Amino acid sequence: MRERYGGLWEGLSDVEIRAQYPVEHSQWRPPEGETSAVVADRAGAAMERIADTLTPGTLAVVVSHGAALRLGAARLLGLPEELWGAVGPLANCAWSILGRRRGKWRLIEHNAGTLPEPVLSDDR
């Protein structure tokens, strides 16, 4: 699934974005890019279409960047936009599991699969 389109931020580093677009960066609104609501609608609709093709007892794996998956999941869960931040970001190589029960979406797991940092010991 395609990630958020960054508009004028495309190709810039985070340092460059902060310097050139400080207000937009603080609100995470890329000029000429997709808003969070547009990403949530697009990703949520795609996940819904995928889920509708599944036979009972099967699953689908949807791969993307964290923002598209997080916002799409928040849309499916029916969270209002002011609560989208309650679903934390996905770590690299982590996943979430969503399921439907009685016609309603629910978040079963989030940020699963991440491993803790190794504990380094002076005992060698």
PDB file of N, CA and C in Angstrom:
ATOM      1  N   MET A   1       0.846  -1.162   0.000  1.00  0.00           N
ATOM      2  CA  MET A   1       0.000   0.000   0.000  1.00  0.00           C
ATOM      3  C   MET A   1       0.902   1.239   0.000  1.00  0.00           C
ATOM      4  N   ARG A   2       0.530   2.198  -0.787  1.00  0.00           N
ATOM      5  CA  ARG A   2       1.322   3.419  -0.928  1.00  0.00           C
ATOM      6  C   ARG A   2       1.271   4.253   0.352  1.00  0.00           C
ATOM      7  N   GLU A   3       2.416   4.816   0.719  1.00  0.00           N
ATOM      8  CA  GLU A   3       2.523   5.682   1.885  1.00  0.00           C
ATOM      9  C   GLU A   3       1.959   7.066   1.563  1.00  0.00           C
ATOM     10  N   ARG A   4       1.902   7.914   2.547  1.00  0.00           N
ATOM     11  CA  ARG A   4       1.424   9.290   2.403  1.00  0.00           C
ATOM     12  C   ARG A   4       2.273  10.034   1.372  1.00  0.00           C
ATOM     13  N   TYR A   5       1.595  10.780   0.487  1.00  0.00           N
ATOM     14  CA  TYR A   5       2.307  11.618  -0.468  1.00  0.00           C
ATOM     15  C   TYR A   5       2.742  12.879   0.265  1.00  0.00           C
ATOM     16  N   GLY A   6       4.037  13.188   0.234  1.00  0.00           N
ATOM     17  CA  GLY A   6       4.605  14.288   0.994  1.00  0.00           C
ATOM     18  C   GLY A   6       4.603  15.637   0.325  1.00  0.00           C
ATOM     19  N   GLY A   7       4.069  15.745  -0.882  1.00  0.00           N
ATOM     20  CA  GLY A   7       4.006  17.050  -1.544  1.00  0.00           C
ATOM     21  C   GLY A   7       5.374  17.688  -1.673  1.00  0.00           C
ATOM     22  N   LEU A   8       5.486  18.929  -1.218  1.00  0.00           N
ATOM     23  CA  LEU A   8       6.749  19.671  -1.330  1.00  0.00           C
ATOM     24  C   LEU A   8       7.841  19.125  -0.423  1.00  0.00           C
ATOM     25  N   TRP A   9       7.485  18.213   0.474  1.00  0.00           N
ATOM     26  CA  TRP A   9       8.490  17.591   1.334  1.00  0.00           C
ATOM     27  C   TRP A   9       9.228  16.455   0.638  1.00  0.00           C
ATOM     28  N   GLU A  10       8.679  15.947  -0.453  1.00  0.00           N
ATOM     29  CA  GLU A  10       9.292  14.801  -1.130  1.00  0.00           C
ATOM     30  C   GLU A  10      10.751  15.109  -1.476  1.00  0.00           C
ATOM     31  N   GLY A  11      11.640  14.184  -1.142  1.00  0.00           N
ATOM     32  CA  GLY A  11      13.056  14.315  -1.457  1.00  0.00           C
ATOM     33  C   GLY A  11      13.857  15.122  -0.451  1.00  0.00           C
ATOM     34  N   LEU A  12      13.199  15.710   0.550  1.00  0.00           N
ATOM     35  CA  LEU A  12      13.908  16.502   1.556  1.00  0.00           C
ATOM     36  C   LEU A  12      14.158  15.664   2.804  1.00  0.00           C
ATOM     37  N   SER A  13      15.242  15.977   3.494  1.00  0.00           N
ATOM     38  CA  SER A  13      15.511  15.324   4.777  1.00  0.00           C
ATOM     39  C   SER A  13      14.647  15.989   5.849  1.00  0.00           C
ATOM     40  N   ASP A  14      14.556  15.338   7.009  1.00  0.00           N
ATOM     41  CA  ASP A  14      13.784  15.915   8.104  1.00  0.00           C
ATOM     42  C   ASP A  14      14.355  17.272   8.513  1.00  0.00           C
ATOM     43  N   VAL A  15      15.662  17.417   8.524  1.00  0.00           N
ATOM     44  CA  VAL A  15      16.301  18.688   8.877  1.00  0.00           C
ATOM     45  C   VAL A  15      15.889  19.777   7.884  1.00  0.00           C
ATOM     46  N   GLU A  16      15.881  19.446   6.597  1.00  0.00           N
ATOM     47  CA  GLU A  16      15.474  20.415   5.573  1.00  0.00           C
ATOM     48  C   GLU A  16      13.999  20.789   5.710  1.00  0.00           C
ATOM     49  N   ILE A  17      13.166  19.810   5.990  1.00  0.00           N
ATOM     50  CA  ILE A  17      11.734  20.086   6.162  1.00  0.00           C
ATOM     51  C   ILE A  17      11.514  21.002   7.356  1.00  0.00           C
ATOM     52  N   ARG A  18      12.171  20.711   8.468  1.00  0.00           N
ATOM     53  CA  ARG A  18      12.024  21.555   9.664  1.00  0.00           C
ATOM     54  C   ARG A  18      12.474  22.988   9.399  1.00  0.00           C
ATOM     55  N   ALA A  19      13.542  23.145   8.632  1.00  0.00           N
ATOM     56  CA  ALA A  19      14.067  24.485   8.346  1.00  0.00           C
ATOM     57  C   ALA A  19      13.175  25.248   7.364  1.00  0.00           C
ATOM     58  N   GLN A  20      12.686  24.574   6.327  1.00  0.00           N
ATOM     59  CA  GLN A  20      11.922  25.248   5.277  1.00  0.00           C
ATOM     60  C   GLN A  20      10.438  25.373   5.579  1.00  0.00           C
ATOM     61  N   TYR A  21       9.905  24.441   6.374  1.00  0.00           N
ATOM     62  CA  TYR A  21       8.465  24.397   6.645  1.00  0.00           C
ATOM     63  C   TYR A  21       8.201  24.152   8.134  1.00  0.00           C
ATOM     64  N   PRO A  22       8.679  25.056   9.007  1.00  0.00           N
ATOM     65  CA  PRO A  22       8.557  24.780  10.452  1.00  0.00           C
ATOM     66  C   PRO A  22       7.116  24.669  10.947  1.00  0.00           C
ATOM     67  N   VAL A  23       6.222  25.517  10.475  1.00  0.00           N
ATOM     68  CA  VAL A  23       4.838  25.467  10.935  1.00  0.00           C
ATOM     69  C   VAL A  23       4.162  24.198  10.441  1.00  0.00           C
ATOM     70  N   GLU A  24       4.336  23.909   9.162  1.00  0.00           N
ATOM     71  CA  GLU A  24       3.718  22.718   8.582  1.00  0.00           C
ATOM     72  C   GLU A  24       4.259  21.448   9.239  1.00  0.00           C
ATOM     73  N   HIS A  25       5.572  21.445   9.532  1.00  0.00           N
ATOM     74  CA  HIS A  25       6.173  20.278  10.181  1.00  0.00           C
ATOM     75  C   HIS A  25       5.585  20.083  11.581  1.00  0.00           C
ATOM     76  N   SER A  26       5.427  21.171  12.328  1.00  0.00           N
ATOM     77  CA  SER A  26       4.893  21.056  13.691  1.00  0.00           C
ATOM     78  C   SER A  26       3.461  20.523  13.697  1.00  0.00           C
ATOM     79  N   GLN A  27       2.735  20.727  12.597  1.00  0.00           N
ATOM     80  CA  GLN A  27       1.357  20.238  12.475  1.00  0.00           C
ATOM     81  C   GLN A  27       1.285  18.972  11.619  1.00  0.00           C
ATOM     82  N   TRP A  28       2.406  18.532  11.130  1.00  0.00           N
ATOM     83  CA  TRP A  28       2.543  17.386  10.216  1.00  0.00           C
ATOM     84  C   TRP A  28       1.553  17.492   9.056  1.00  0.00           C
ATOM     85  N   ARG A  29       1.647  18.632   8.345  1.00  0.00           N
ATOM     86  CA  ARG A  29       0.801  18.895   7.181  1.00  0.00           C
ATOM     87  C   ARG A  29       1.700  19.259   6.003  1.00  0.00           C
ATOM     88  N   PRO A  30       2.080  18.264   5.205  1.00  0.00           N
ATOM     89  CA  PRO A  30       2.976  18.553   4.078  1.00  0.00           C
ATOM     90  C   PRO A  30       2.278  19.429   3.028  1.00  0.00           C
ATOM     91  N   PRO A  31       2.885  20.577   2.671  1.00  0.00           N
ATOM     92  CA  PRO A  31       2.280  21.433   1.653  1.00  0.00           C
ATOM     93  C   PRO A  31       2.119  20.667   0.332  1.00  0.00           C
ATOM     94  N   GLU A  32       0.936  20.742  -0.235  1.00  0.00           N
ATOM     95  CA  GLU A  32       0.586  20.048  -1.479  1.00  0.00           C
ATOM     96  C   GLU A  32       0.637  18.528  -1.334  1.00  0.00           C
ATOM     97  N   GLY A  33       0.668  18.045  -0.102  1.00  0.00           N
ATOM     98  CA  GLY A  33       0.683  16.602   0.151  1.00  0.00           C
ATOM     99  C   GLY A  33      -0.655  16.132   0.683  1.00  0.00           C
ATOM    100  N   GLU A  34      -0.706  14.849   1.021  1.00  0.00           N
ATOM    101  CA  GLU A  34      -1.936  14.272   1.552  1.00  0.00           C
ATOM    102  C   GLU A  34      -2.108  14.620   3.027  1.00  0.00           C
ATOM    103  N   THR A  35      -3.328  14.942   3.393  1.00  0.00           N
ATOM    104  CA  THR A  35      -3.635  15.140   4.804  1.00  0.00           C
ATOM    105  C   THR A  35      -3.789  13.770   5.461  1.00  0.00           C
ATOM    106  N   SER A  36      -3.765  13.766   6.772  1.00  0.00           N
ATOM    107  CA  SER A  36      -3.973  12.512   7.499  1.00  0.00           C
ATOM    108  C   SER A  36      -5.343  11.921   7.183  1.00  0.00           C
ATOM    109  N   ALA A  37      -6.363  12.768   7.042  1.00  0.00           N
ATOM    110  CA  ALA A  37      -7.711  12.273   6.747  1.00  0.00           C
ATOM    111  C   ALA A  37      -7.765  11.590   5.386  1.00  0.00           C
ATOM    112  N   VAL A  38      -7.074  12.145   4.399  1.00  0.00           N
ATOM    113  CA  VAL A  38      -7.057  11.534   3.067  1.00  0.00           C
ATOM    114  C   VAL A  38      -6.347  10.185   3.122  1.00  0.00           C
ATOM    115  N   VAL A  39      -5.232  10.125   3.827  1.00  0.00           N
ATOM    116  CA  VAL A  39      -4.495   8.857   3.962  1.00  0.00           C
ATOM    117  C   VAL A  39      -5.367   7.830   4.690  1.00  0.00           C
ATOM    118  N   ALA A  40      -6.026   8.247   5.764  1.00  0.00           N
ATOM    119  CA  ALA A  40      -6.882   7.336   6.524  1.00  0.00           C
ATOM    120  C   ALA A  40      -8.006   6.792   5.653  1.00  0.00           C
ATOM    121  N   ASP A  41      -8.637   7.659   4.878  1.00  0.00           N
ATOM    122  CA  ASP A  41      -9.717   7.216   3.994  1.00  0.00           C
ATOM    123  C   ASP A  41      -9.201   6.228   2.955  1.00  0.00           C
ATOM    124  N   ARG A  42      -8.086   6.571   2.313  1.00  0.00           N
ATOM    125  CA  ARG A  42      -7.529   5.727   1.247  1.00  0.00           C
ATOM    126  C   ARG A  42      -7.089   4.371   1.779  1.00  0.00           C
ATOM    127  N   ALA A  43      -6.320   4.392   2.867  1.00  0.00           N
ATOM    128  CA  ALA A  43      -5.792   3.143   3.417  1.00  0.00           C
ATOM    129  C   ALA A  43      -6.908   2.302   4.041  1.00  0.00           C
ATOM    130  N   GLY A  44      -7.809   2.938   4.766  1.00  0.00           N
ATOM    131  CA  GLY A  44      -8.915   2.206   5.369  1.00  0.00           C
ATOM    132  C   GLY A  44      -9.803   1.551   4.315  1.00  0.00           C
ATOM    133  N   ALA A  45     -10.085   2.284   3.232  1.00  0.00           N
ATOM    134  CA  ALA A  45     -10.904   1.720   2.151  1.00  0.00           C
ATOM    135  C   ALA A  45     -10.204   0.538   1.489  1.00  0.00           C
ATOM    136  N   ALA A  46      -8.890   0.649   1.297  1.00  0.00           N
ATOM    137  CA  ALA A  46      -8.138  -0.459   0.697  1.00  0.00           C
ATOM    138  C   ALA A  46      -8.172  -1.684   1.604  1.00  0.00           C
ATOM    139  N   MET A  47      -7.976  -1.480   2.899  1.00  0.00           N
ATOM    140  CA  MET A  47      -8.013  -2.608   3.837  1.00  0.00           C
ATOM    141  C   MET A  47      -9.406  -3.245   3.865  1.00  0.00           C
ATOM    142  N   GLU A  48     -10.432  -2.425   3.806  1.00  0.00           N
ATOM    143  CA  GLU A  48     -11.807  -2.947   3.790  1.00  0.00           C
ATOM    144  C   GLU A  48     -12.050  -3.781   2.530  1.00  0.00           C
ATOM    145  N   ARG A  49     -11.594  -3.283   1.379  1.00  0.00           N
ATOM    146  CA  ARG A  49     -11.758  -4.046   0.124  1.00  0.00           C
ATOM    147  C   ARG A  49     -11.028  -5.375   0.193  1.00  0.00           C
ATOM    148  N   ILE A  50      -9.820  -5.363   0.736  1.00  0.00           N
ATOM    149  CA  ILE A  50      -9.040  -6.594   0.863  1.00  0.00           C
ATOM    150  C   ILE A  50      -9.771  -7.572   1.783  1.00  0.00           C
ATOM    151  N   ALA A  51     -10.234  -7.092   2.924  1.00  0.00           N
ATOM    152  CA  ALA A  51     -10.917  -7.953   3.888  1.00  0.00           C
ATOM    153  C   ALA A  51     -12.188  -8.556   3.292  1.00  0.00           C
ATOM    154  N   ASP A  52     -12.870  -7.794   2.462  1.00  0.00           N
ATOM    155  CA  ASP A  52     -14.114  -8.285   1.862  1.00  0.00           C
ATOM    156  C   ASP A  52     -13.881  -9.434   0.881  1.00  0.00           C
ATOM    157  N   THR A  53     -12.652  -9.618   0.413  1.00  0.00           N
ATOM    158  CA  THR A  53     -12.363 -10.708  -0.526  1.00  0.00           C
ATOM    159  C   THR A  53     -11.981 -12.004   0.183  1.00  0.00           C
ATOM    160  N   LEU A  54     -11.761 -11.939   1.487  1.00  0.00           N
ATOM    161  CA  LEU A  54     -11.281 -13.110   2.232  1.00  0.00           C
ATOM    162  C   LEU A  54     -12.401 -14.090   2.535  1.00  0.00           C
ATOM    163  N   THR A  55     -12.052 -15.354   2.513  1.00  0.00           N
ATOM    164  CA  THR A  55     -12.992 -16.370   2.969  1.00  0.00           C
ATOM    165  C   THR A  55     -12.797 -16.546   4.474  1.00  0.00           C
ATOM    166  N   PRO A  56     -13.815 -16.956   5.197  1.00  0.00           N
ATOM    167  CA  PRO A  56     -13.693 -17.116   6.648  1.00  0.00           C
ATOM    168  C   PRO A  56     -12.501 -18.006   7.026  1.00  0.00           C
ATOM    169  N   GLY A  57     -11.796 -17.581   8.074  1.00  0.00           N
ATOM    170  CA  GLY A  57     -10.668 -18.350   8.575  1.00  0.00           C
ATOM    171  C   GLY A  57      -9.352 -18.061   7.879  1.00  0.00           C
ATOM    172  N   THR A  58      -9.353 -17.145   6.903  1.00  0.00           N
ATOM    173  CA  THR A  58      -8.107 -16.797   6.223  1.00  0.00           C
ATOM    174  C   THR A  58      -7.667 -15.409   6.651  1.00  0.00           C
ATOM    175  N   LEU A  59      -6.486 -15.026   6.213  1.00  0.00           N
ATOM    176  CA  LEU A  59      -5.990 -13.691   6.543  1.00  0.00           C
ATOM    177  C   LEU A  59      -5.285 -13.100   5.345  1.00  0.00           C
ATOM    178  N   ALA A  60      -5.081 -11.802   5.406  1.00  0.00           N
ATOM    179  CA  ALA A  60      -4.326 -11.081   4.383  1.00  0.00           C
ATOM    180  C   ALA A  60      -3.208 -10.330   5.082  1.00  0.00           C
ATOM    181  N   VAL A  61      -2.113 -10.171   4.390  1.00  0.00           N
ATOM    182  CA  VAL A  61      -0.997  -9.373   4.883  1.00  0.00           C
ATOM    183  C   VAL A  61      -0.927  -8.124   4.011  1.00  0.00           C
ATOM    184  N   VAL A  62      -1.020  -6.976   4.639  1.00  0.00           N
ATOM    185  CA  VAL A  62      -0.944  -5.695   3.942  1.00  0.00           C
ATOM    186  C   VAL A  62       0.351  -5.034   4.377  1.00  0.00           C
ATOM    187  N   VAL A  63       1.182  -4.691   3.413  1.00  0.00           N
ATOM    188  CA  VAL A  63       2.499  -4.140   3.705  1.00  0.00           C
ATOM    189  C   VAL A  63       2.552  -2.681   3.269  1.00  0.00           C
ATOM    190  N   SER A  64       3.075  -1.842   4.135  1.00  0.00           N
ATOM    191  CA  SER A  64       3.210  -0.426   3.822  1.00  0.00           C
ATOM    192  C   SER A  64       4.110   0.216   4.860  1.00  0.00           C
ATOM    193  N   HIS A  65       4.168   1.531   4.806  1.00  0.00           N
ATOM    194  CA  HIS A  65       4.848   2.303   5.842  1.00  0.00           C
ATOM    195  C   HIS A  65       3.876   2.492   7.003  1.00  0.00           C
ATOM    196  N   GLY A  66       4.422   2.847   8.150  1.00  0.00           N
ATOM    197  CA  GLY A  66       3.629   2.923   9.370  1.00  0.00           C
ATOM    198  C   GLY A  66       2.469   3.889   9.347  1.00  0.00           C
ATOM    199  N   ALA A  67       2.647   5.079   8.770  1.00  0.00           N
ATOM    200  CA  ALA A  67       1.571   6.074   8.819  1.00  0.00           C
ATOM    201  C   ALA A  67       0.336   5.598   8.076  1.00  0.00           C
ATOM    202  N   ALA A  68       0.497   5.047   6.894  1.00  0.00           N
ATOM    203  CA  ALA A  68      -0.658   4.581   6.126  1.00  0.00           C
ATOM    204  C   ALA A  68      -1.379   3.464   6.876  1.00  0.00           C
ATOM    205  N   LEU A  69      -0.630   2.538   7.440  1.00  0.00           N
ATOM    206  CA  LEU A  69      -1.249   1.431   8.165  1.00  0.00           C
ATOM    207  C   LEU A  69      -1.925   1.917   9.444  1.00  0.00           C
ATOM    208  N   ARG A  70      -1.256   2.787  10.185  1.00  0.00           N
ATOM    209  CA  ARG A  70      -1.815   3.299  11.442  1.00  0.00           C
ATOM    210  C   ARG A  70      -3.079   4.105  11.189  1.00  0.00           C
ATOM    211  N   LEU A  71      -3.036   4.993  10.197  1.00  0.00           N
ATOM    212  CA  LEU A  71      -4.204   5.830   9.909  1.00  0.00           C
ATOM    213  C   LEU A  71      -5.349   5.016   9.330  1.00  0.00           C
ATOM    214  N   GLY A  72      -5.025   4.054   8.464  1.00  0.00           N
ATOM    215  CA  GLY A  72      -6.069   3.183   7.927  1.00  0.00           C
ATOM    216  C   GLY A  72      -6.731   2.374   9.025  1.00  0.00           C
ATOM    217  N   ALA A  73      -5.931   1.863   9.955  1.00  0.00           N
ATOM    218  CA  ALA A  73      -6.478   1.090  11.072  1.00  0.00           C
ATOM    219  C   ALA A  73      -7.359   1.972  11.958  1.00  0.00           C
ATOM    220  N   ALA A  74      -6.913   3.188  12.222  1.00  0.00           N
ATOM    221  CA  ALA A  74      -7.714   4.103  13.036  1.00  0.00           C
ATOM    222  C   ALA A  74      -9.057   4.386  12.376  1.00  0.00           C
ATOM    223  N   ARG A  75      -9.048   4.518  11.051  1.00  0.00           N
ATOM    224  CA  ARG A  75     -10.303   4.745  10.318  1.00  0.00           C
ATOM    225  C   ARG A  75     -11.216   3.523  10.441  1.00  0.00           C
ATOM    226  N   LEU A  76     -10.661   2.323  10.250  1.00  0.00           N
ATOM    227  CA  LEU A  76     -11.472   1.113  10.371  1.00  0.00           C
ATOM    228  C   LEU A  76     -12.064   0.956  11.774  1.00  0.00           C
ATOM    229  N   LEU A  77     -11.282   1.330  12.766  1.00  0.00           N
ATOM    230  CA  LEU A  77     -11.732   1.199  14.151  1.00  0.00           C
ATOM    231  C   LEU A  77     -12.758   2.261  14.532  1.00  0.00           C
ATOM    232  N   GLY A  78     -12.965   3.229  13.649  1.00  0.00           N
ATOM    233  CA  GLY A  78     -13.957   4.266  13.911  1.00  0.00           C
ATOM    234  C   GLY A  78     -13.499   5.336  14.876  1.00  0.00           C
ATOM    235  N   LEU A  79     -12.184   5.456  15.055  1.00  0.00           N
ATOM    236  CA  LEU A  79     -11.682   6.475  15.970  1.00  0.00           C
ATOM    237  C   LEU A  79     -11.843   7.859  15.351  1.00  0.00           C
ATOM    238  N   PRO A  80     -12.275   8.839  16.134  1.00  0.00           N
ATOM    239  CA  PRO A  80     -12.317  10.206  15.609  1.00  0.00           C
ATOM    240  C   PRO A  80     -10.896  10.726  15.417  1.00  0.00           C
ATOM    241  N   GLU A  81     -10.740  11.659  14.503  1.00  0.00           N
ATOM    242  CA  GLU A  81      -9.404  12.143  14.137  1.00  0.00           C
ATOM    243  C   GLU A  81      -8.594  12.617  15.343  1.00  0.00           C
ATOM    244  N   GLU A  82      -9.234  13.210  16.330  1.00  0.00           N
ATOM    245  CA  GLU A  82      -8.477  13.706  17.486  1.00  0.00           C
ATOM    246  C   GLU A  82      -7.888  12.572  18.328  1.00  0.00           C
ATOM    247  N   LEU A  83      -8.305  11.330  18.087  1.00  0.00           N
ATOM    248  CA  LEU A  83      -7.757  10.181  18.818  1.00  0.00           C
ATOM    249  C   LEU A  83      -6.816   9.313  17.978  1.00  0.00           C
ATOM    250  N   TRP A  84      -6.540   9.704  16.734  1.00  0.00           N
ATOM    251  CA  TRP A  84      -5.669   8.884  15.897  1.00  0.00           C
ATOM    252  C   TRP A  84      -4.290   8.707  16.504  1.00  0.00           C
ATOM    253  N   GLY A  85      -3.823   9.686  17.233  1.00  0.00           N
ATOM    254  CA  GLY A  85      -2.522   9.586  17.878  1.00  0.00           C
ATOM    255  C   GLY A  85      -2.488   8.553  18.994  1.00  0.00           C
ATOM    256  N   ALA A  86      -3.664   8.094  19.437  1.00  0.00           N
ATOM    257  CA  ALA A  86      -3.717   7.068  20.484  1.00  0.00           C
ATOM    258  C   ALA A  86      -3.204   5.730  19.975  1.00  0.00           C
ATOM    259  N   VAL A  87      -3.257   5.532  18.663  1.00  0.00           N
ATOM    260  CA  VAL A  87      -2.666   4.337  18.053  1.00  0.00           C
ATOM    261  C   VAL A  87      -1.230   4.720  17.716  1.00  0.00           C
ATOM    262  N   GLY A  88      -0.296   4.239  18.509  1.00  0.00           N
ATOM    263  CA  GLY A  88       1.099   4.639  18.351  1.00  0.00           C
ATOM    264  C   GLY A  88       1.702   4.176  17.042  1.00  0.00           C
ATOM    265  N   PRO A  89       2.851   4.754  16.689  1.00  0.00           N
ATOM    266  CA  PRO A  89       3.507   4.394  15.430  1.00  0.00           C
ATOM    267  C   PRO A  89       4.009   2.954  15.447  1.00  0.00           C
ATOM    268  N   LEU A  90       4.112   2.391  14.256  1.00  0.00           N
ATOM    269  CA  LEU A  90       4.655   1.040  14.120  1.00  0.00           C
ATOM    270  C   LEU A  90       6.181   1.098  14.086  1.00  0.00           C
ATOM    271  N   ALA A  91       6.808   0.205  14.805  1.00  0.00           N
ATOM    272  CA  ALA A  91       8.257   0.072  14.727  1.00  0.00           C
ATOM    273  C   ALA A  91       8.613  -0.632  13.418  1.00  0.00           C
ATOM    274  N   ASN A  92       9.852  -0.491  12.983  1.00  0.00           N
ATOM    275  CA  ASN A  92      10.289  -1.188  11.775  1.00  0.00           C
ATOM    276  C   ASN A  92      10.061  -2.688  11.931  1.00  0.00           C
ATOM    277  N   CYS A  93       9.540  -3.282  10.892  1.00  0.00           N
ATOM    278  CA  CYS A  93       9.302  -4.733  10.817  1.00  0.00           C
ATOM    279  C   CYS A  93       8.293  -5.232  11.842  1.00  0.00           C
ATOM    280  N   ALA A  94       7.448  -4.363  12.357  1.00  0.00           N
ATOM    281  CA  ALA A  94       6.406  -4.769  13.292  1.00  0.00           C
ATOM    282  C   ALA A  94       5.076  -4.841  12.553  1.00  0.00           C
ATOM    283  N   TRP A  95       4.087  -5.409  13.207  1.00  0.00           N
ATOM    284  CA  TRP A  95       2.786  -5.539  12.561  1.00  0.00           C
ATOM    285  C   TRP A  95       1.667  -5.328  13.562  1.00  0.00           C
ATOM    286  N   SER A  96       0.503  -5.103  13.001  1.00  0.00           N
ATOM    287  CA  SER A  96      -0.730  -5.036  13.776  1.00  0.00           C
ATOM    288  C   SER A  96      -1.669  -6.099  13.228  1.00  0.00           C
ATOM    289  N   ILE A  97      -2.554  -6.556  14.074  1.00  0.00           N
ATOM    290  CA  ILE A  97      -3.571  -7.514  13.650  1.00  0.00           C
ATOM    291  C   ILE A  97      -4.924  -6.900  13.952  1.00  0.00           C
ATOM    292  N   LEU A  98      -5.729  -6.806  12.908  1.00  0.00           N
ATOM    293  CA  LEU A  98      -7.096  -6.330  13.038  1.00  0.00           C
ATOM    294  C   LEU A  98      -8.032  -7.457  12.635  1.00  0.00           C
ATOM    295  N   GLY A  99      -9.163  -7.487  13.232  1.00  0.00           N
ATOM    296  CA  GLY A  99     -10.162  -8.488  12.883  1.00  0.00           C
ATOM    297  C   GLY A  99     -11.548  -7.889  13.001  1.00  0.00           C
ATOM    298  N   ARG A 100     -12.501  -8.564  12.399  1.00  0.00           N
ATOM    299  CA  ARG A 100     -13.896  -8.131  12.520  1.00  0.00           C
ATOM    300  C   ARG A 100     -14.636  -9.130  13.388  1.00  0.00           C
ATOM    301  N   ARG A 101     -15.441  -8.596  14.251  1.00  0.00           N
ATOM    302  CA  ARG A 101     -16.277  -9.419  15.122  1.00  0.00           C
ATOM    303  C   ARG A 101     -17.650  -8.779  15.166  1.00  0.00           C
ATOM    304  N   ARG A 102     -18.633  -9.579  14.773  1.00  0.00           N
ATOM    305  CA  ARG A 102     -20.005  -9.081  14.716  1.00  0.00           C
ATOM    306  C   ARG A 102     -20.109  -7.814  13.875  1.00  0.00           C
ATOM    307  N   GLY A 103     -19.349  -7.796  12.785  1.00  0.00           N
ATOM    308  CA  GLY A 103     -19.406  -6.684  11.838  1.00  0.00           C
ATOM    309  C   GLY A 103     -18.632  -5.445  12.234  1.00  0.00           C
ATOM    310  N   LYS A 104     -17.920  -5.488  13.361  1.00  0.00           N
ATOM    311  CA  LYS A 104     -17.150  -4.329  13.816  1.00  0.00           C
ATOM    312  C   LYS A 104     -15.658  -4.686  13.844  1.00  0.00           C
ATOM    313  N   TRP A 105     -14.834  -3.709  13.468  1.00  0.00           N
ATOM    314  CA  TRP A 105     -13.390  -3.908  13.502  1.00  0.00           C
ATOM    315  C   TRP A 105     -12.888  -3.779  14.929  1.00  0.00           C
ATOM    316  N   ARG A 106     -11.850  -4.553  15.231  1.00  0.00           N
ATOM    317  CA  ARG A 106     -11.183  -4.424  16.528  1.00  0.00           C
ATOM    318  C   ARG A 106      -9.682  -4.622  16.344  1.00  0.00           C
ATOM    319  N   LEU A 107      -8.912  -3.977  17.190  1.00  0.00           N
ATOM    320  CA  LEU A 107      -7.461  -4.089  17.182  1.00  0.00           C
ATOM    321  C   LEU A 107      -7.086  -5.217  18.123  1.00  0.00           C
ATOM    322  N   ILE A 108      -6.516  -6.276  17.567  1.00  0.00           N
ATOM    323  CA  ILE A 108      -6.176  -7.458  18.352  1.00  0.00           C
ATOM    324  C   ILE A 108      -4.743  -7.374  18.870  1.00  0.00           C
ATOM    325  N   GLU A 109      -3.835  -6.935  18.020  1.00  0.00           N
ATOM    326  CA  GLU A 109      -2.433  -6.735  18.410  1.00  0.00           C
ATOM    327  C   GLU A 109      -1.933  -5.482  17.716  1.00  0.00           C
ATOM    328  N   HIS A 110      -0.981  -4.800  18.358  1.00  0.00           N
ATOM    329  CA  HIS A 110      -0.365  -3.627  17.720  1.00  0.00           C
ATOM    330  C   HIS A 110       1.112  -3.595  18.062  1.00  0.00           C
ATOM    331  N   ASN A 111       1.918  -3.313  17.065  1.00  0.00           N
ATOM    332  CA  ASN A 111       3.373  -3.218  17.214  1.00  0.00           C
ATOM    333  C   ASN A 111       3.975  -4.554  17.636  1.00  0.00           C
ATOM    334  N   ALA A 112       3.399  -5.627  17.176  1.00  0.00           N
ATOM    335  CA  ALA A 112       3.872  -6.967  17.513  1.00  0.00           C
ATOM    336  C   ALA A 112       5.127  -7.299  16.713  1.00  0.00           C
ATOM    337  N   GLY A 113       5.898  -8.211  17.243  1.00  0.00           N
ATOM    338  CA  GLY A 113       7.058  -8.700  16.518  1.00  0.00           C
ATOM    339  C   GLY A 113       8.345  -7.953  16.771  1.00  0.00           C
ATOM    340  N   THR A 114       8.278  -6.879  17.544  1.00  0.00           N
ATOM    341  CA  THR A 114       9.507  -6.153  17.819  1.00  0.00           C
ATOM    342  C   THR A 114      10.257  -6.862  18.944  1.00  0.00           C
ATOM    343  N   LEU A 115      11.543  -6.822  18.858  1.00  0.00           N
ATOM    344  CA  LEU A 115      12.377  -7.453  19.867  1.00  0.00           C
ATOM    345  C   LEU A 115      13.000  -6.384  20.747  1.00  0.00           C
ATOM    346  N   PRO A 116      13.150  -6.659  22.031  1.00  0.00           N
ATOM    347  CA  PRO A 116      13.802  -5.680  22.891  1.00  0.00           C
ATOM    348  C   PRO A 116      15.277  -5.551  22.532  1.00  0.00           C
ATOM    349  N   GLU A 117      15.834  -4.423  22.860  1.00  0.00           N
ATOM    350  CA  GLU A 117      17.265  -4.217  22.653  1.00  0.00           C
ATOM    351  C   GLU A 117      18.036  -5.209  23.521  1.00  0.00           C
ATOM    352  N   PRO A 118      19.151  -5.749  23.000  1.00  0.00           N
ATOM    353  CA  PRO A 118      19.927  -6.692  23.817  1.00  0.00           C
ATOM    354  C   PRO A 118      20.545  -5.990  25.032  1.00  0.00           C
ATOM    355  N   VAL A 119      20.605  -6.719  26.116  1.00  0.00           N
ATOM    356  CA  VAL A 119      21.229  -6.191  27.317  1.00  0.00           C
ATOM    357  C   VAL A 119      22.706  -6.524  27.247  1.00  0.00           C
ATOM    358  N   LEU A 120      23.532  -5.480  27.285  1.00  0.00           N
ATOM    359  CA  LEU A 120      24.979  -5.691  27.227  1.00  0.00           C
ATOM    360  C   LEU A 120      25.521  -5.795  28.632  1.00  0.00           C
ATOM    361  N   SER A 121      26.354  -6.756  28.860  1.00  0.00           N
ATOM    362  CA  SER A 121      26.889  -6.994  30.180  1.00  0.00           C
ATOM    363  C   SER A 121      28.401  -6.844  30.154  1.00  0.00           C
ATOM    364  N   ASP A 122      28.940  -6.429  31.283  1.00  0.00           N
ATOM    365  CA  ASP A 122      30.396  -6.344  31.401  1.00  0.00           C
ATOM    366  C   ASP A 122      31.018  -7.689  31.749  1.00  0.00           C
ATOM    367  N   ASP A 123      30.163  -8.680  32.010  1.00  0.00           N
ATOM    368  CA  ASP A 123      30.636 -10.018  32.337  1.00  0.00           C
ATOM    369  C   ASP A 123      31.006 -10.740  31.035  1.00  0.00           C
ATOM    370  N   ARG A 124      32.282 -10.780  30.749  1.00  0.00           N
ATOM    371  CA  ARG A 124      32.714 -11.424  29.479  1.00  0.00           C
ATOM    372  C   ARG A 124      33.618 -12.580  29.765  1.00  0.00           C
TER     373      ARG A 124
END
